[in-house]
Amino acid sequence: MIKNSKGVLTIAERCKNILAANYQCVLNTVKADTKGSKEDIHSSRVKYMFRKGRPYIWIPEDDLHNVNMVMDERGSLAVSSMIPGQLVSLFRSVGKLPSRIALTGDIISIGDDKVQLARDSLQEAIRLEQRVLNQCSYAVSGIFSSSRIKCKTRSSNLQEILDGSDNYTICRFNLRSCTFIDSHGGTHEVDMEEFESSKADPLSPFSETLIDGINQSQARRRALMLFCFVYLNTIARDALMLSADRSGFDVLGKVPSSITKDGFGQYQWKEFRFPLKEEANNIEAFCHSLVEMEEDVLQTVSSYSGLG
C-alpha cells in the first residue's frame, strides 16, 4: 500500500494547500515617493483570505503599502506552511525552514462598493469552517481538543479581522508567478496553468490544529513510529506528523543514520510519505482512515510477537 506513487501531491497542489491553510503572509511592495517608484522594498505581515483561487489581502489603513500600490501595483507575497510550535522548534534544531511559496503579481484595491461583500464572504467562510468543526464526531473533536490552546484554527484567526476596531484596505492579488521553496531551500517554479487548475485540499483550513492534536498524543506518535516500521521497514526512535491532506500525510521520523567508532548510533530526522487507501474528502474521513491504519499496524506487530 505504501510503496506506490499514489497519494503524492503535485507542486501546484502543495502551493494551493499552503495558501488555503494559512491566513497571514508577508506582503512586499516597492517604496514610492513624489518622484515615483523606487527599488527599495517595504515589507510587513498582513492577513488574507484565499477565495476562488486568489488571495484577498487585508492591509491596515496606516500601512505604507497603501501609498506604494498607488504608484506601483507590483507586489509579492511570501506564505509559509502552517507548522505547529513543536515542529517549529524541531525545524530550528536541524537547520530547516518550513516549506513556503513566493507569489508575484499586482495588488488591486477592490473599491469601497465591494468592501461589505468581501466582509460577508469572509464571514461566510468562517461560518462554514465552524460548522464543520461543530459537526465533528467525538473522536475527531478529541484530536482537536488535544491541540495546545495557542494553536487556533484558521477561522478563529480570521475572525479577529471582523471583531477588531482596525480599518483595512481590501485588495485582490492578481497572480503572475508562483515559486515553491522546499524545506531544504530548493526552489521550484510552478506552471501557472497547472496552479489555476489545481484545487485546494478540504483539510487545509484545519491542518495546523489537526496535526498539533495528533502530535500532542503520545499514543498516536507511537503509531507513527509503527507506520515507519511496518510499511517502510524503518525503525524510528520518535515520529511527528508534518502535514496532512486528502491523499495522505507526511511524517518526520527520527531514524538511525550511522554508527560511530565507539559503537553509539547517530540519528537524523527524515521525512516519509504515507498515502491513504482512499482519498479523504473531509477531516472525518481522514481521521477514520488514520484509525484504520493504526489498527492495521497494531495487528501486524501483534502477529510478529505471537500475540495476535
C-alpha atoms as a PDB file:
ATOM      1  CA  MET A   1       0.000   0.000   0.000  1.00  0.00           C
ATOM      2  CA  ILE A   2       2.740   2.467   0.926  1.00  0.00           C
ATOM      3  CA  LYS A   3       5.311   1.861  -1.798  1.00  0.00           C
ATOM      4  CA  ASN A   4       3.369   3.077  -4.850  1.00  0.00           C
ATOM      5  CA  SER A   5       3.170   6.653  -6.130  1.00  0.00           C
ATOM      6  CA  LYS A   6      -0.450   7.037  -5.115  1.00  0.00           C
ATOM      7  CA  GLY A   7      -1.043   9.903  -2.741  1.00  0.00           C
ATOM      8  CA  VAL A   8       1.869  12.104  -3.844  1.00  0.00           C
ATOM      9  CA  LEU A   9       0.824  15.722  -4.289  1.00  0.00           C
ATOM     10  CA  THR A  10       1.970  17.829  -7.216  1.00  0.00           C
ATOM     11  CA  ILE A  11       3.941  21.009  -6.506  1.00  0.00           C
ATOM     12  CA  ALA A  12       0.928  23.069  -7.642  1.00  0.00           C
ATOM     13  CA  GLU A  13      -1.335  21.225  -5.191  1.00  0.00           C
ATOM     14  CA  ARG A  14       1.122  21.792  -2.352  1.00  0.00           C
ATOM     15  CA  CYS A  15       1.158  25.515  -3.151  1.00  0.00           C
ATOM     16  CA  LYS A  16      -2.639  25.694  -3.147  1.00  0.00           C
ATOM     17  CA  ASN A  17      -2.759  23.846   0.167  1.00  0.00           C
ATOM     18  CA  ILE A  18      -0.298  26.259   1.778  1.00  0.00           C
ATOM     19  CA  LEU A  19      -2.413  29.207   0.639  1.00  0.00           C
ATOM     20  CA  ALA A  20      -5.655  27.605   1.826  1.00  0.00           C
ATOM     21  CA  ALA A  21      -4.222  26.610   5.222  1.00  0.00           C
ATOM     22  CA  ASN A  22      -2.657  29.936   6.176  1.00  0.00           C
ATOM     23  CA  TYR A  23      -4.278  33.295   6.886  1.00  0.00           C
ATOM     24  CA  GLN A  24      -1.272  35.618   7.010  1.00  0.00           C
ATOM     25  CA  CYS A  25       1.627  36.437   4.722  1.00  0.00           C
ATOM     26  CA  VAL A  26       4.482  38.868   4.238  1.00  0.00           C
ATOM     27  CA  LEU A  27       3.497  41.466   1.659  1.00  0.00           C
ATOM     28  CA  ASN A  28       6.246  43.278  -0.253  1.00  0.00           C
ATOM     29  CA  THR A  29       5.709  46.453  -2.281  1.00  0.00           C
ATOM     30  CA  VAL A  30       8.029  48.926  -3.983  1.00  0.00           C
ATOM     31  CA  LYS A  31       8.511  52.081  -1.912  1.00  0.00           C
ATOM     32  CA  ALA A  32       7.259  55.238  -3.576  1.00  0.00           C
ATOM     33  CA  ASP A  33       7.775  58.986  -3.235  1.00  0.00           C
ATOM     34  CA  THR A  34       6.750  62.078  -5.171  1.00  0.00           C
ATOM     35  CA  LYS A  35       9.148  61.121  -7.966  1.00  0.00           C
ATOM     36  CA  GLY A  36       7.526  57.735  -8.441  1.00  0.00           C
ATOM     37  CA  SER A  37       8.502  54.180  -7.612  1.00  0.00           C
ATOM     38  CA  LYS A  38      11.966  53.307  -6.414  1.00  0.00           C
ATOM     39  CA  GLU A  39      13.621  49.936  -5.991  1.00  0.00           C
ATOM     40  CA  ASP A  40      13.517  49.923  -2.194  1.00  0.00           C
ATOM     41  CA  ILE A  41      11.094  47.377  -0.742  1.00  0.00           C
ATOM     42  CA  HIS A  42       8.601  47.798   2.097  1.00  0.00           C
ATOM     43  CA  SER A  43       7.595  44.556   3.842  1.00  0.00           C
ATOM     44  CA  SER A  44       5.033  43.811   6.527  1.00  0.00           C
ATOM     45  CA  ARG A  45       2.875  40.942   7.734  1.00  0.00           C
ATOM     46  CA  VAL A  46      -0.786  41.136   6.684  1.00  0.00           C
ATOM     47  CA  LYS A  47      -3.811  38.842   6.790  1.00  0.00           C
ATOM     48  CA  TYR A  48      -5.569  37.429   3.768  1.00  0.00           C
ATOM     49  CA  MET A  49      -8.476  35.266   2.677  1.00  0.00           C
ATOM     50  CA  PHE A  50      -7.979  32.688  -0.078  1.00  0.00           C
ATOM     51  CA  ARG A  51     -11.122  32.643  -2.224  1.00  0.00           C
ATOM     52  CA  LYS A  52     -11.776  31.274  -5.716  1.00  0.00           C
ATOM     53  CA  GLY A  53      -8.084  30.615  -6.275  1.00  0.00           C
ATOM     54  CA  ARG A  54      -6.943  34.122  -5.367  1.00  0.00           C
ATOM     55  CA  PRO A  55      -5.685  35.833  -2.193  1.00  0.00           C
ATOM     56  CA  TYR A  56      -7.658  38.833  -0.918  1.00  0.00           C
ATOM     57  CA  ILE A  57      -5.426  40.916   1.324  1.00  0.00           C
ATOM     58  CA  TRP A  58      -6.468  42.996   4.335  1.00  0.00           C
ATOM     59  CA  ILE A  59      -3.939  45.852   4.543  1.00  0.00           C
ATOM     60  CA  PRO A  60      -4.084  48.042   7.689  1.00  0.00           C
ATOM     61  CA  GLU A  61      -5.116  51.590   6.825  1.00  0.00           C
ATOM     62  CA  ASP A  62      -1.920  53.107   8.217  1.00  0.00           C
ATOM     63  CA  ASP A  63       0.444  50.715   6.382  1.00  0.00           C
ATOM     64  CA  LEU A  64       2.806  52.215   3.798  1.00  0.00           C
ATOM     65  CA  HIS A  65       1.621  49.613   1.273  1.00  0.00           C
ATOM     66  CA  ASN A  66      -1.446  51.776   0.638  1.00  0.00           C
ATOM     67  CA  VAL A  67       0.740  54.591  -0.723  1.00  0.00           C
ATOM     68  CA  ASN A  68       3.116  52.286  -2.562  1.00  0.00           C
ATOM     69  CA  MET A  69       0.484  50.417  -4.573  1.00  0.00           C
ATOM     70  CA  VAL A  70      -1.000  53.688  -5.884  1.00  0.00           C
ATOM     71  CA  MET A  71       2.337  54.449  -7.530  1.00  0.00           C
ATOM     72  CA  ASP A  72       3.241  50.855  -8.419  1.00  0.00           C
ATOM     73  CA  GLU A  73       0.791  47.933  -8.358  1.00  0.00           C
ATOM     74  CA  ARG A  74       3.529  45.315  -8.379  1.00  0.00           C
ATOM     75  CA  GLY A  75       3.871  43.230  -5.244  1.00  0.00           C
ATOM     76  CA  SER A  76       4.871  39.859  -3.884  1.00  0.00           C
ATOM     77  CA  LEU A  77       3.611  37.564  -1.141  1.00  0.00           C
ATOM     78  CA  ALA A  78       5.571  35.106   0.999  1.00  0.00           C
ATOM     79  CA  VAL A  79       3.392  32.408   2.581  1.00  0.00           C
ATOM     80  CA  SER A  80       4.699  29.648   4.845  1.00  0.00           C
ATOM     81  CA  SER A  81       3.318  26.220   5.669  1.00  0.00           C
ATOM     82  CA  MET A  82       1.338  26.145   8.902  1.00  0.00           C
ATOM     83  CA  ILE A  83       3.730  24.417  11.304  1.00  0.00           C
ATOM     84  CA  PRO A  84       2.643  23.971  14.963  1.00  0.00           C
ATOM     85  CA  GLY A  85       5.059  25.116  17.677  1.00  0.00           C
ATOM     86  CA  GLN A  86       6.561  21.718  18.451  1.00  0.00           C
ATOM     87  CA  LEU A  87       7.574  21.278  14.833  1.00  0.00           C
ATOM     88  CA  VAL A  88       8.932  24.825  14.610  1.00  0.00           C
ATOM     89  CA  SER A  89      11.388  24.038  17.418  1.00  0.00           C
ATOM     90  CA  LEU A  90      12.397  20.809  15.722  1.00  0.00           C
ATOM     91  CA  PHE A  91      12.955  22.526  12.373  1.00  0.00           C
ATOM     92  CA  ARG A  92      15.172  25.115  14.021  1.00  0.00           C
ATOM     93  CA  SER A  93      17.239  22.430  15.764  1.00  0.00           C
ATOM     94  CA  VAL A  94      18.029  20.702  12.455  1.00  0.00           C
ATOM     95  CA  GLY A  95      18.556  23.931  10.485  1.00  0.00           C
ATOM     96  CA  LYS A  96      15.473  23.638   8.287  1.00  0.00           C
ATOM     97  CA  LEU A  97      12.653  26.009   7.405  1.00  0.00           C
ATOM     98  CA  PRO A  98       9.010  25.110   6.708  1.00  0.00           C
ATOM     99  CA  SER A  99       8.156  24.772   3.014  1.00  0.00           C
ATOM    100  CA  ARG A 100       6.781  28.021   1.654  1.00  0.00           C
ATOM    101  CA  ILE A 101       5.727  29.817  -1.503  1.00  0.00           C
ATOM    102  CA  ALA A 102       6.599  33.132  -3.133  1.00  0.00           C
ATOM    103  CA  LEU A 103       3.970  34.792  -5.310  1.00  0.00           C
ATOM    104  CA  THR A 104       4.343  37.784  -7.601  1.00  0.00           C
ATOM    105  CA  GLY A 105       1.503  39.807  -9.050  1.00  0.00           C
ATOM    106  CA  ASP A 106      -0.470  43.043  -8.992  1.00  0.00           C
ATOM    107  CA  ILE A 107      -2.271  44.465  -5.955  1.00  0.00           C
ATOM    108  CA  ILE A 108      -5.660  45.918  -6.858  1.00  0.00           C
ATOM    109  CA  SER A 109      -7.962  47.646  -4.355  1.00  0.00           C
ATOM    110  CA  ILE A 110     -11.473  46.207  -4.629  1.00  0.00           C
ATOM    111  CA  GLY A 111     -13.117  49.606  -4.110  1.00  0.00           C
ATOM    112  CA  ASP A 112     -15.474  50.883  -1.425  1.00  0.00           C
ATOM    113  CA  ASP A 113     -18.560  49.430  -3.132  1.00  0.00           C
ATOM    114  CA  LYS A 114     -17.264  45.849  -2.670  1.00  0.00           C
ATOM    115  CA  VAL A 115     -15.924  46.089   0.878  1.00  0.00           C
ATOM    116  CA  GLN A 116     -19.104  44.792   2.506  1.00  0.00           C
ATOM    117  CA  LEU A 117     -19.261  41.915   0.016  1.00  0.00           C
ATOM    118  CA  ALA A 118     -15.701  40.954   0.940  1.00  0.00           C
ATOM    119  CA  ARG A 119     -16.516  41.098   4.648  1.00  0.00           C
ATOM    120  CA  ASP A 120     -19.643  38.989   4.068  1.00  0.00           C
ATOM    121  CA  SER A 121     -17.597  36.433   2.096  1.00  0.00           C
ATOM    122  CA  LEU A 122     -15.063  36.246   4.915  1.00  0.00           C
ATOM    123  CA  GLN A 123     -17.822  35.793   7.491  1.00  0.00           C
ATOM    124  CA  GLU A 124     -19.398  33.028   5.402  1.00  0.00           C
ATOM    125  CA  ALA A 125     -16.048  31.199   5.080  1.00  0.00           C
ATOM    126  CA  ILE A 126     -15.586  31.394   8.855  1.00  0.00           C
ATOM    127  CA  ARG A 127     -19.133  30.165   9.452  1.00  0.00           C
ATOM    128  CA  LEU A 128     -18.653  27.147   7.148  1.00  0.00           C
ATOM    129  CA  GLU A 129     -15.407  26.154   8.875  1.00  0.00           C
ATOM    130  CA  GLN A 130     -17.017  26.461  12.296  1.00  0.00           C
ATOM    131  CA  ARG A 131     -19.941  24.324  11.149  1.00  0.00           C
ATOM    132  CA  VAL A 132     -17.540  21.573  10.062  1.00  0.00           C
ATOM    133  CA  LEU A 133     -15.875  21.679  13.473  1.00  0.00           C
ATOM    134  CA  ASN A 134     -19.199  21.650  15.326  1.00  0.00           C
ATOM    135  CA  GLN A 135     -20.405  18.609  13.391  1.00  0.00           C
ATOM    136  CA  CYS A 136     -17.270  16.530  14.029  1.00  0.00           C
ATOM    137  CA  SER A 137     -17.600  13.191  15.756  1.00  0.00           C
ATOM    138  CA  TYR A 138     -16.382  12.689  19.305  1.00  0.00           C
ATOM    139  CA  ALA A 139     -13.169  11.049  18.064  1.00  0.00           C
ATOM    140  CA  VAL A 140     -12.269  13.953  15.784  1.00  0.00           C
ATOM    141  CA  SER A 141     -13.200  16.531  18.409  1.00  0.00           C
ATOM    142  CA  GLY A 142     -10.879  14.708  20.795  1.00  0.00           C
ATOM    143  CA  ILE A 143      -7.950  15.244  18.415  1.00  0.00           C
ATOM    144  CA  PHE A 144      -8.737  18.946  18.051  1.00  0.00           C
ATOM    145  CA  SER A 145      -9.142  19.424  21.795  1.00  0.00           C
ATOM    146  CA  SER A 146      -5.708  17.834  22.331  1.00  0.00           C
ATOM    147  CA  SER A 147      -4.135  20.707  20.430  1.00  0.00           C
ATOM    148  CA  ARG A 148      -2.468  23.350  22.563  1.00  0.00           C
ATOM    149  CA  ILE A 149      -4.528  26.452  23.345  1.00  0.00           C
ATOM    150  CA  LYS A 150      -2.194  28.702  21.342  1.00  0.00           C
ATOM    151  CA  CYS A 151      -2.770  26.647  18.202  1.00  0.00           C
ATOM    152  CA  LYS A 152      -6.036  28.180  16.958  1.00  0.00           C
ATOM    153  CA  THR A 153      -7.978  27.236  13.854  1.00  0.00           C
ATOM    154  CA  ARG A 154      -7.690  29.419  10.771  1.00  0.00           C
ATOM    155  CA  SER A 155     -11.272  30.648  11.190  1.00  0.00           C
ATOM    156  CA  SER A 156     -10.534  31.816  14.742  1.00  0.00           C
ATOM    157  CA  ASN A 157      -7.623  33.888  13.489  1.00  0.00           C
ATOM    158  CA  LEU A 158      -9.625  35.361  10.605  1.00  0.00           C
ATOM    159  CA  GLN A 159     -12.466  36.293  12.962  1.00  0.00           C
ATOM    160  CA  GLU A 160     -10.106  38.800  14.575  1.00  0.00           C
ATOM    161  CA  ILE A 161     -10.302  40.885  11.373  1.00  0.00           C
ATOM    162  CA  LEU A 162     -14.065  41.254  11.738  1.00  0.00           C
ATOM    163  CA  ASP A 163     -14.097  41.690  15.525  1.00  0.00           C
ATOM    164  CA  GLY A 164     -11.287  44.242  15.738  1.00  0.00           C
ATOM    165  CA  SER A 165     -11.586  48.020  15.506  1.00  0.00           C
ATOM    166  CA  ASP A 166      -8.812  48.456  12.913  1.00  0.00           C
ATOM    167  CA  ASN A 167      -9.611  49.758   9.439  1.00  0.00           C
ATOM    168  CA  TYR A 168      -8.322  47.962   6.366  1.00  0.00           C
ATOM    169  CA  THR A 169      -7.871  48.413   2.640  1.00  0.00           C
ATOM    170  CA  ILE A 170      -9.063  45.207   0.993  1.00  0.00           C
ATOM    171  CA  CYS A 171      -7.196  44.221  -2.167  1.00  0.00           C
ATOM    172  CA  ARG A 172      -7.204  41.288  -4.532  1.00  0.00           C
ATOM    173  CA  PHE A 173      -3.861  39.875  -5.579  1.00  0.00           C
ATOM    174  CA  ASN A 174      -3.705  39.054  -9.294  1.00  0.00           C
ATOM    175  CA  LEU A 175      -1.100  36.307  -9.624  1.00  0.00           C
ATOM    176  CA  ARG A 176       1.630  36.321 -12.250  1.00  0.00           C
ATOM    177  CA  SER A 177       4.014  33.665 -10.895  1.00  0.00           C
ATOM    178  CA  CYS A 178       4.375  31.132  -8.103  1.00  0.00           C
ATOM    179  CA  THR A 179       7.547  29.573  -6.716  1.00  0.00           C
ATOM    180  CA  PHE A 180       7.622  26.690  -4.242  1.00  0.00           C
ATOM    181  CA  ILE A 181      10.551  26.618  -1.778  1.00  0.00           C
ATOM    182  CA  ASP A 182      11.056  23.272  -0.039  1.00  0.00           C
ATOM    183  CA  SER A 183      12.418  22.750   3.482  1.00  0.00           C
ATOM    184  CA  HIS A 184      15.967  22.367   2.116  1.00  0.00           C
ATOM    185  CA  GLY A 185      15.807  25.724   0.341  1.00  0.00           C
ATOM    186  CA  GLY A 186      15.336  24.285  -3.153  1.00  0.00           C
ATOM    187  CA  THR A 187      13.144  26.362  -5.477  1.00  0.00           C
ATOM    188  CA  HIS A 188      10.577  25.023  -7.938  1.00  0.00           C
ATOM    189  CA  GLU A 189       8.790  27.229 -10.465  1.00  0.00           C
ATOM    190  CA  VAL A 190       5.107  26.324 -10.801  1.00  0.00           C
ATOM    191  CA  ASP A 191       3.308  26.259 -14.123  1.00  0.00           C
ATOM    192  CA  MET A 192       0.503  28.810 -13.748  1.00  0.00           C
ATOM    193  CA  GLU A 193      -1.983  26.804 -15.810  1.00  0.00           C
ATOM    194  CA  GLU A 194      -1.431  23.836 -13.509  1.00  0.00           C
ATOM    195  CA  PHE A 195      -1.711  26.124 -10.481  1.00  0.00           C
ATOM    196  CA  GLU A 196      -5.019  27.566 -11.691  1.00  0.00           C
ATOM    197  CA  SER A 197      -6.495  24.135 -12.440  1.00  0.00           C
ATOM    198  CA  SER A 198      -5.446  22.504  -9.144  1.00  0.00           C
ATOM    199  CA  LYS A 199      -7.807  22.568  -6.174  1.00  0.00           C
ATOM    200  CA  ALA A 200      -7.108  23.403  -2.550  1.00  0.00           C
ATOM    201  CA  ASP A 201      -7.395  20.467  -0.154  1.00  0.00           C
ATOM    202  CA  PRO A 202     -10.544  20.334   2.017  1.00  0.00           C
ATOM    203  CA  LEU A 203      -8.369  19.541   5.051  1.00  0.00           C
ATOM    204  CA  SER A 204      -6.191  22.642   4.624  1.00  0.00           C
ATOM    205  CA  PRO A 205      -8.148  25.088   6.833  1.00  0.00           C
ATOM    206  CA  PHE A 206      -7.940  22.649   9.757  1.00  0.00           C
ATOM    207  CA  SER A 207      -4.491  21.160   9.157  1.00  0.00           C
ATOM    208  CA  GLU A 208      -2.476  23.051  11.788  1.00  0.00           C
ATOM    209  CA  THR A 209      -4.831  22.174  14.655  1.00  0.00           C
ATOM    210  CA  LEU A 210      -5.296  18.605  13.364  1.00  0.00           C
ATOM    211  CA  ILE A 211      -1.542  17.982  13.138  1.00  0.00           C
ATOM    212  CA  ASP A 212      -0.858  19.537  16.527  1.00  0.00           C
ATOM    213  CA  GLY A 213      -3.609  17.474  18.161  1.00  0.00           C
ATOM    214  CA  ILE A 214      -2.119  14.270  16.742  1.00  0.00           C
ATOM    215  CA  ASN A 215       1.422  15.234  17.785  1.00  0.00           C
ATOM    216  CA  GLN A 216       0.300  16.021  21.333  1.00  0.00           C
ATOM    217  CA  SER A 217      -0.832  12.393  21.748  1.00  0.00           C
ATOM    218  CA  GLN A 218       1.958  10.006  22.746  1.00  0.00           C
ATOM    219  CA  ALA A 219      -0.150   7.031  21.632  1.00  0.00           C
ATOM    220  CA  ARG A 220      -0.561   8.472  18.150  1.00  0.00           C
ATOM    221  CA  ARG A 221       3.123   9.311  17.903  1.00  0.00           C
ATOM    222  CA  ARG A 222       3.927   5.694  18.767  1.00  0.00           C
ATOM    223  CA  ALA A 223       1.557   4.686  15.960  1.00  0.00           C
ATOM    224  CA  LEU A 224       3.502   6.916  13.538  1.00  0.00           C
ATOM    225  CA  MET A 225       6.653   5.084  14.620  1.00  0.00           C
ATOM    226  CA  LEU A 226       4.931   1.776  13.881  1.00  0.00           C
ATOM    227  CA  PHE A 227       3.937   3.054  10.411  1.00  0.00           C
ATOM    228  CA  CYS A 228       7.644   3.551   9.692  1.00  0.00           C
ATOM    229  CA  PHE A 229       8.430   0.040  10.922  1.00  0.00           C
ATOM    230  CA  VAL A 230       5.573  -1.914   9.305  1.00  0.00           C
ATOM    231  CA  TYR A 231       5.192  -0.048   5.995  1.00  0.00           C
ATOM    232  CA  LEU A 232       8.790   1.075   5.387  1.00  0.00           C
ATOM    233  CA  ASN A 233      10.831  -1.419   7.427  1.00  0.00           C
ATOM    234  CA  THR A 234      12.446   1.539   9.192  1.00  0.00           C
ATOM    235  CA  ILE A 235      12.946   1.794  12.947  1.00  0.00           C
ATOM    236  CA  ALA A 236      12.063   5.279  14.194  1.00  0.00           C
ATOM    237  CA  ARG A 237      13.021   6.400  17.684  1.00  0.00           C
ATOM    238  CA  ASP A 238      10.419   9.175  17.545  1.00  0.00           C
ATOM    239  CA  ALA A 239       7.936  10.486  14.986  1.00  0.00           C
ATOM    240  CA  LEU A 240       5.781  13.549  14.378  1.00  0.00           C
ATOM    241  CA  MET A 241       3.150  14.275  11.762  1.00  0.00           C
ATOM    242  CA  LEU A 242       4.318  17.077   9.462  1.00  0.00           C
ATOM    243  CA  SER A 243       1.391  17.583   7.081  1.00  0.00           C
ATOM    244  CA  ALA A 244      -1.983  16.082   6.236  1.00  0.00           C
ATOM    245  CA  ASP A 245      -4.137  16.187   3.114  1.00  0.00           C
ATOM    246  CA  ARG A 246      -6.855  14.229   1.339  1.00  0.00           C
ATOM    247  CA  SER A 247      -4.324  11.833  -0.234  1.00  0.00           C
ATOM    248  CA  GLY A 248      -2.140  11.052   2.768  1.00  0.00           C
ATOM    249  CA  PHE A 249       0.235  12.537   5.294  1.00  0.00           C
ATOM    250  CA  ASP A 250       3.913  13.291   5.813  1.00  0.00           C
ATOM    251  CA  VAL A 251       5.820  12.157   8.893  1.00  0.00           C
ATOM    252  CA  LEU A 252       9.158  13.245  10.344  1.00  0.00           C
ATOM    253  CA  GLY A 253      10.847  10.177  11.796  1.00  0.00           C
ATOM    254  CA  LYS A 254      13.993  10.096  13.947  1.00  0.00           C
ATOM    255  CA  VAL A 255      15.871   7.231  12.315  1.00  0.00           C
ATOM    256  CA  PRO A 256      19.428   5.799  12.524  1.00  0.00           C
ATOM    257  CA  SER A 257      21.950   7.453  10.201  1.00  0.00           C
ATOM    258  CA  SER A 258      25.317   5.935  11.151  1.00  0.00           C
ATOM    259  CA  ILE A 259      27.308   4.113  13.830  1.00  0.00           C
ATOM    260  CA  THR A 260      30.255   5.917  15.430  1.00  0.00           C
ATOM    261  CA  LYS A 261      33.585   4.277  16.311  1.00  0.00           C
ATOM    262  CA  ASP A 262      32.582   3.888  19.951  1.00  0.00           C
ATOM    263  CA  GLY A 263      29.525   1.904  18.893  1.00  0.00           C
ATOM    264  CA  PHE A 264      26.898   4.540  19.565  1.00  0.00           C
ATOM    265  CA  GLY A 265      24.324   5.248  16.878  1.00  0.00           C
ATOM    266  CA  GLN A 266      23.658   8.622  15.295  1.00  0.00           C
ATOM    267  CA  TYR A 267      20.114   9.692  14.438  1.00  0.00           C
ATOM    268  CA  GLN A 268      18.646  12.047  11.885  1.00  0.00           C
ATOM    269  CA  TRP A 269      15.161  13.394  11.212  1.00  0.00           C
ATOM    270  CA  LYS A 270      13.891  12.113   7.883  1.00  0.00           C
ATOM    271  CA  GLU A 271      10.630  12.802   6.046  1.00  0.00           C
ATOM    272  CA  PHE A 272       8.332   9.945   4.961  1.00  0.00           C
ATOM    273  CA  ARG A 273       5.108   9.966   2.942  1.00  0.00           C
ATOM    274  CA  PHE A 274       2.155   7.672   3.793  1.00  0.00           C
ATOM    275  CA  PRO A 275      -0.740   7.612   1.298  1.00  0.00           C
ATOM    276  CA  LEU A 276      -4.275   6.728   2.358  1.00  0.00           C
ATOM    277  CA  LYS A 277      -6.098   3.763   0.854  1.00  0.00           C
ATOM    278  CA  GLU A 278      -8.833   6.136  -0.331  1.00  0.00           C
ATOM    279  CA  GLU A 279      -8.927   9.896  -0.634  1.00  0.00           C
ATOM    280  CA  ALA A 280     -10.391  11.676   2.388  1.00  0.00           C
ATOM    281  CA  ASN A 281     -12.714  14.493   1.357  1.00  0.00           C
ATOM    282  CA  ASN A 282     -13.112  15.802   4.905  1.00  0.00           C
ATOM    283  CA  ILE A 283     -11.399  15.635   8.278  1.00  0.00           C
ATOM    284  CA  GLU A 284     -13.825  12.959   9.465  1.00  0.00           C
ATOM    285  CA  ALA A 285     -12.780  10.622   6.651  1.00  0.00           C
ATOM    286  CA  PHE A 286      -9.089  11.393   7.227  1.00  0.00           C
ATOM    287  CA  CYS A 287      -9.268  10.561  10.940  1.00  0.00           C
ATOM    288  CA  HIS A 288     -11.230   7.376  10.177  1.00  0.00           C
ATOM    289  CA  SER A 289      -8.515   6.267   7.724  1.00  0.00           C
ATOM    290  CA  LEU A 290      -5.809   7.114  10.251  1.00  0.00           C
ATOM    291  CA  VAL A 291      -7.510   4.964  12.904  1.00  0.00           C
ATOM    292  CA  GLU A 292      -7.791   2.081  10.418  1.00  0.00           C
ATOM    293  CA  MET A 293      -4.066   2.310   9.705  1.00  0.00           C
ATOM    294  CA  GLU A 294      -3.295   2.382  13.435  1.00  0.00           C
ATOM    295  CA  GLU A 295      -5.371  -0.766  13.976  1.00  0.00           C
ATOM    296  CA  ASP A 296      -3.715  -2.429  10.967  1.00  0.00           C
ATOM    297  CA  VAL A 297      -0.147  -1.881  12.213  1.00  0.00           C
ATOM    298  CA  LEU A 298      -1.033  -2.912  15.776  1.00  0.00           C
ATOM    299  CA  GLN A 299      -2.461  -6.158  14.459  1.00  0.00           C
ATOM    300  CA  THR A 300       0.625  -6.711  12.288  1.00  0.00           C
ATOM    301  CA  VAL A 301       3.023  -6.092  15.170  1.00  0.00           C
ATOM    302  CA  SER A 302       0.953  -8.370  17.431  1.00  0.00           C
ATOM    303  CA  SER A 303       1.226 -11.169  14.874  1.00  0.00           C
ATOM    304  CA  TYR A 304       5.032 -10.683  14.755  1.00  0.00           C
ATOM    305  CA  SER A 305       5.245 -11.103  18.504  1.00  0.00           C
ATOM    306  CA  GLY A 306       2.868 -14.072  18.545  1.00  0.00           C
ATOM    307  CA  LEU A 307       0.225 -12.144  20.485  1.00  0.00           C
ATOM    308  CA  GLY A 308      -2.203 -11.834  17.590  1.00  0.00           C
END
